[in-house]
Amino acid sequence: MLSKVARLGLAARASIYLLIGALAVAVALGRSRSETDQRGAMQELNRHAAGHLILWVIAAGLAGYALWRFSEAAFGVVGENGDVGPRVRSFVRGCIYAFLSFSAFQIALGRATGSQAGQQENLSAQVMRHSGGRLAVGVVGAVVVAVGLALVLEGLTHRFEKYLDESSMTPETHRTVKVLGVIGTAARGAVFALAGVFVIQAAWDYQPRKAAGLDGALRSLRDTAAGPWLLGVVALGLVAFGFYGFAEARWRRT
């Protein structure tokens, strides 16, 4: 039963990243102003009748994903020999996706307003008003950078493969999933690292508006010398991660 819940959760996460990537591509082409983060993707989905129904499924899936991660924290991660580090990471992921599931249900019920980037800016501003707040925000940014770089390394060194049941894949499927995993995981990590850098910069400059999260990181790529081309490449990387996520939902060892 828990295995099915985990696979539904992985598929829900994959759907979110596929939407984020698609929105980022649209922004790169100048065809959308939607927020290019998890909340923005869910709000865009909720604007359509069929999308509203899908959002309910995604919300339930994200709750299942959080439950699965909490079970890993309690009983150990498959392929990690019960090590403490992976269990702690699973607990943190469980907390993050429990919050995302709550946000998804709020959006589906029409009770959520505002943007994810705006919420992150407001939270950063509130924390920085207190003694030691800027240091705390900077530490959070450093942690996000470290997580992002770890994901880039995971993608480039193919570490994600140890979680997959490769014996049930054909050679062609394995090659495809491997390429999607490398590109997608590295792209996701790079965006996370960049978002963390902006959080650090927000704390250093005492400018909370710079802590705009995933959306701010992606839009900053559009404003570089490479312009929309760089954003488009990274966006396609996130689309690749979305497709890899569906493969993970099928072949992940849980």
Protein backbone atom coordinates (compact mmCIF):
# COMPACT_ATOMS: atom_id res chain seq x y z
CA MET A 1 0.00 0.00 0.00
CA LEU A 2 2.75 2.46 0.97
CA SER A 3 4.55 1.66 -2.28
CA LYS A 4 1.49 2.75 -4.28
CA VAL A 5 1.22 5.93 -2.20
CA ALA A 6 4.90 6.65 -2.87
CA ARG A 7 4.47 6.18 -6.63
CA LEU A 8 1.44 8.47 -6.69
CA GLY A 9 3.49 11.04 -4.78
CA LEU A 10 6.43 10.75 -7.18
CA ALA A 11 4.06 11.20 -10.13
CA ALA A 12 2.55 14.28 -8.45
CA ARG A 13 6.00 15.80 -7.92
CA ALA A 14 6.88 15.02 -11.54
CA SER A 15 3.72 16.80 -12.71
CA ILE A 16 4.64 19.92 -10.74
CA TYR A 17 8.14 20.11 -12.23
CA LEU A 18 6.83 19.44 -15.72
CA LEU A 19 4.48 22.41 -15.27
CA ILE A 20 7.25 24.62 -13.84
CA GLY A 21 9.46 23.78 -16.81
CA ALA A 22 6.65 24.50 -19.26
CA LEU A 23 5.87 27.84 -17.58
CA ALA A 24 9.56 28.77 -17.64
CA VAL A 25 9.71 27.98 -21.37
CA ALA A 26 6.67 30.22 -21.88
CA VAL A 27 8.35 33.01 -19.88
CA ALA A 28 11.52 32.61 -21.96
CA LEU A 29 9.41 33.01 -25.10
CA GLY A 30 7.66 36.06 -23.63
CA ARG A 31 4.29 34.32 -23.64
CA SER A 32 3.57 34.08 -19.91
CA ARG A 33 3.92 36.07 -16.71
CA SER A 34 2.90 33.23 -14.40
CA GLU A 35 5.03 32.48 -11.35
CA THR A 36 7.59 29.81 -12.27
CA ASP A 37 7.57 27.89 -8.99
CA GLN A 38 5.52 25.15 -7.32
CA ARG A 39 2.70 27.45 -6.22
CA GLY A 40 2.62 29.22 -9.57
CA ALA A 41 2.35 25.90 -11.38
CA MET A 42 -0.55 24.82 -9.18
CA GLN A 43 -2.34 28.16 -9.56
CA GLU A 44 -1.99 27.98 -13.34
CA LEU A 45 -3.40 24.45 -13.30
CA ASN A 46 -6.33 25.55 -11.13
CA ARG A 47 -7.41 28.15 -13.69
CA HIS A 48 -8.74 25.40 -15.98
CA ALA A 49 -11.69 23.10 -15.33
CA ALA A 50 -9.83 19.87 -16.02
CA GLY A 51 -6.75 21.26 -14.30
CA HIS A 52 -8.76 21.91 -11.14
CA LEU A 53 -9.62 18.22 -10.92
CA ILE A 54 -6.01 17.24 -11.62
CA LEU A 55 -4.88 19.60 -8.85
CA TRP A 56 -6.94 17.63 -6.33
CA VAL A 57 -5.13 14.47 -7.41
CA ILE A 58 -1.76 16.24 -7.19
CA ALA A 59 -2.60 17.56 -3.71
CA ALA A 60 -3.41 14.03 -2.54
CA GLY A 61 -0.28 12.73 -4.27
CA LEU A 62 1.93 15.29 -2.54
CA ALA A 63 0.43 14.27 0.79
CA GLY A 64 1.28 10.68 -0.08
CA TYR A 65 4.81 11.71 -1.03
CA ALA A 66 5.24 13.42 2.35
CA LEU A 67 3.90 10.32 4.15
CA TRP A 68 6.34 8.09 2.25
CA ARG A 69 9.29 10.35 3.11
CA PHE A 70 8.28 10.33 6.78
CA SER A 71 8.19 6.53 6.67
CA GLU A 72 11.73 6.55 5.24
CA ALA A 73 12.82 8.83 8.09
CA ALA A 74 11.34 6.39 10.58
CA PHE A 75 12.36 3.05 9.05
CA GLY A 76 15.27 3.83 6.71
CA VAL A 77 15.75 4.65 3.02
CA VAL A 78 15.92 1.77 0.54
CA GLY A 79 19.47 1.47 -0.77
CA GLU A 80 21.03 3.50 2.06
CA ASN A 81 21.59 0.74 4.68
CA GLY A 82 19.68 2.64 7.35
CA ASP A 83 22.19 5.53 7.44
CA VAL A 84 21.14 8.54 9.50
CA GLY A 85 21.91 11.22 6.87
CA PRO A 86 19.42 9.95 4.25
CA ARG A 87 16.77 9.53 6.95
CA VAL A 88 17.20 13.15 8.05
CA ARG A 89 16.96 14.31 4.42
CA SER A 90 13.77 12.27 4.00
CA PHE A 91 12.28 13.92 7.10
CA VAL A 92 13.06 17.39 5.73
CA ARG A 93 11.59 16.45 2.35
CA GLY A 94 8.51 15.13 4.10
CA CYS A 95 8.03 18.48 5.86
CA ILE A 96 8.49 20.43 2.61
CA TYR A 97 6.03 18.32 0.66
CA ALA A 98 3.50 18.27 3.49
CA PHE A 99 3.50 22.07 3.22
CA LEU A 100 3.21 21.90 -0.59
CA SER A 101 0.30 19.48 -0.24
CA PHE A 102 -1.41 21.88 2.17
CA SER A 103 -0.85 24.72 -0.33
CA ALA A 104 -2.29 22.60 -3.15
CA PHE A 105 -5.44 21.85 -1.15
CA GLN A 106 -5.78 25.55 -0.25
CA ILE A 107 -5.49 26.55 -3.92
CA ALA A 108 -8.00 23.87 -4.99
CA LEU A 109 -10.44 25.15 -2.35
CA GLY A 110 -9.95 28.74 -3.49
CA ARG A 111 -8.53 29.80 -0.13
CA ALA A 112 -5.00 30.69 -1.21
CA THR A 113 -3.94 34.12 -2.41
CA GLY A 114 -0.62 35.71 -3.24
CA SER A 115 2.52 34.29 -4.76
CA GLN A 116 5.11 31.91 -3.36
CA ALA A 117 7.86 34.42 -4.17
CA GLY A 118 5.97 37.15 -2.30
CA GLN A 119 5.52 34.91 0.74
CA GLN A 120 9.24 34.11 0.77
CA GLU A 121 10.12 37.80 0.54
CA ASN A 122 7.74 38.66 3.41
CA LEU A 123 9.06 35.85 5.58
CA SER A 124 12.65 36.94 4.93
CA ALA A 125 11.75 40.54 5.81
CA GLN A 126 10.10 39.47 9.08
CA VAL A 127 13.06 37.30 10.11
CA MET A 128 15.60 40.01 9.24
CA ARG A 129 13.88 42.51 11.54
CA HIS A 130 15.08 40.52 14.54
CA SER A 131 18.56 40.39 16.05
CA GLY A 132 20.55 37.76 14.19
CA GLY A 133 17.82 37.52 11.58
CA ARG A 134 20.06 38.40 8.66
CA LEU A 135 22.52 35.72 9.76
CA ALA A 136 19.70 33.17 10.01
CA VAL A 137 18.47 34.02 6.51
CA GLY A 138 22.02 33.79 5.20
CA VAL A 139 22.46 30.36 6.78
CA VAL A 140 19.23 29.16 5.15
CA GLY A 141 20.52 30.44 1.81
CA ALA A 142 23.81 28.57 2.31
CA VAL A 143 21.90 25.36 3.07
CA VAL A 144 19.84 25.78 -0.10
CA VAL A 145 23.03 26.32 -2.12
CA ALA A 146 24.54 23.17 -0.58
CA VAL A 147 21.40 21.16 -1.41
CA GLY A 148 21.45 22.48 -4.97
CA LEU A 149 25.11 21.60 -5.50
CA ALA A 150 24.49 18.14 -4.02
CA LEU A 151 21.71 17.62 -6.57
CA VAL A 152 23.99 18.73 -9.41
CA LEU A 153 26.59 16.22 -8.21
CA GLU A 154 23.94 13.53 -7.89
CA GLY A 155 22.92 14.10 -11.48
CA LEU A 156 26.40 14.28 -12.98
CA THR A 157 27.63 11.19 -11.09
CA HIS A 158 24.44 9.19 -11.79
CA ARG A 159 23.90 8.55 -8.08
CA PHE A 160 20.14 8.58 -8.61
CA GLU A 161 20.43 5.22 -10.39
CA LYS A 162 20.92 3.31 -7.15
CA TYR A 163 17.32 4.04 -6.23
CA LEU A 164 15.94 2.55 -9.46
CA ASP A 165 15.01 -1.06 -10.25
CA GLU A 166 17.07 -1.21 -13.44
CA SER A 167 16.57 -4.98 -13.83
CA SER A 168 12.99 -4.40 -14.98
CA MET A 169 14.02 -1.87 -17.67
CA THR A 170 14.97 -2.61 -21.25
CA PRO A 171 18.42 -1.31 -22.29
CA GLU A 172 16.78 1.43 -24.38
CA THR A 173 14.56 2.51 -21.49
CA HIS A 174 17.51 2.52 -19.11
CA ARG A 175 19.52 4.79 -21.41
CA THR A 176 16.60 7.19 -21.80
CA VAL A 177 15.89 7.34 -18.06
CA LYS A 178 19.60 7.85 -17.37
CA VAL A 179 19.83 10.82 -19.75
CA LEU A 180 16.67 12.39 -18.31
CA GLY A 181 17.96 11.83 -14.78
CA VAL A 182 21.35 13.42 -15.46
CA ILE A 183 19.97 16.47 -17.25
CA GLY A 184 16.92 16.92 -15.03
CA THR A 185 18.59 16.43 -11.66
CA ALA A 186 21.52 18.69 -12.57
CA ALA A 187 19.18 21.43 -13.87
CA ARG A 188 17.02 21.24 -10.75
CA GLY A 189 20.10 21.45 -8.54
CA ALA A 190 21.49 24.43 -10.46
CA VAL A 191 18.25 26.37 -10.02
CA PHE A 192 18.13 25.55 -6.31
CA ALA A 193 21.73 26.67 -5.88
CA LEU A 194 21.01 29.93 -7.69
CA ALA A 195 17.94 30.52 -5.53
CA GLY A 196 20.11 30.00 -2.45
CA VAL A 197 22.65 32.52 -3.72
CA PHE A 198 19.87 35.12 -3.98
CA VAL A 199 18.77 34.38 -0.41
CA ILE A 200 22.35 34.96 0.78
CA GLN A 201 22.51 38.18 -1.25
CA ALA A 202 19.19 39.32 0.25
CA ALA A 203 20.60 38.85 3.75
CA TRP A 204 23.90 40.53 2.89
CA ASP A 205 22.31 43.56 1.22
CA TYR A 206 19.34 43.65 3.63
CA GLN A 207 16.96 43.50 0.66
CA PRO A 208 14.28 40.81 1.27
CA ARG A 209 12.86 41.25 -2.24
CA LYS A 210 15.91 39.40 -3.58
CA ALA A 211 14.83 36.24 -1.72
CA ALA A 212 12.28 35.40 -4.41
CA GLY A 213 12.92 31.67 -4.48
CA LEU A 214 12.62 29.48 -7.55
CA ASP A 215 10.70 32.04 -9.59
CA GLY A 216 13.26 34.76 -8.89
CA ALA A 217 16.14 32.45 -9.79
CA LEU A 218 14.60 31.46 -13.12
CA ARG A 219 13.67 35.03 -14.07
CA SER A 220 17.19 36.19 -13.23
CA LEU A 221 18.46 33.86 -15.95
CA ARG A 222 16.23 35.63 -18.45
CA ASP A 223 17.85 38.94 -17.51
CA THR A 224 21.44 37.77 -18.14
CA ALA A 225 23.49 38.48 -21.25
CA ALA A 226 22.37 35.14 -22.68
CA GLY A 227 18.79 36.32 -22.18
CA PRO A 228 15.88 33.95 -22.77
CA TRP A 229 18.16 31.32 -24.32
CA LEU A 230 19.71 30.44 -20.96
CA LEU A 231 16.31 30.38 -19.25
CA GLY A 232 14.99 28.19 -22.07
CA VAL A 233 17.82 25.66 -21.64
CA VAL A 234 17.30 25.45 -17.87
CA ALA A 235 13.52 25.25 -18.38
CA LEU A 236 13.96 22.28 -20.70
CA GLY A 237 16.16 20.72 -18.02
CA LEU A 238 13.28 21.03 -15.54
CA VAL A 239 10.95 19.48 -18.13
CA ALA A 240 13.47 16.62 -18.38
CA PHE A 241 13.31 16.24 -14.59
CA GLY A 242 9.53 16.06 -14.82
CA PHE A 243 9.74 13.19 -17.31
CA TYR A 244 12.43 11.52 -15.20
CA GLY A 245 10.09 11.85 -12.22
CA PHE A 246 7.43 9.82 -14.02
CA ALA A 247 10.06 7.17 -14.75
CA GLU A 248 11.02 7.23 -11.07
CA ALA A 249 7.35 6.76 -10.15
CA ARG A 250 7.41 3.59 -12.24
CA TRP A 251 10.81 2.11 -11.37
CA ARG A 252 11.81 3.60 -7.98
CA ARG A 253 12.64 0.96 -5.34
CA THR A 254 10.40 1.79 -2.37
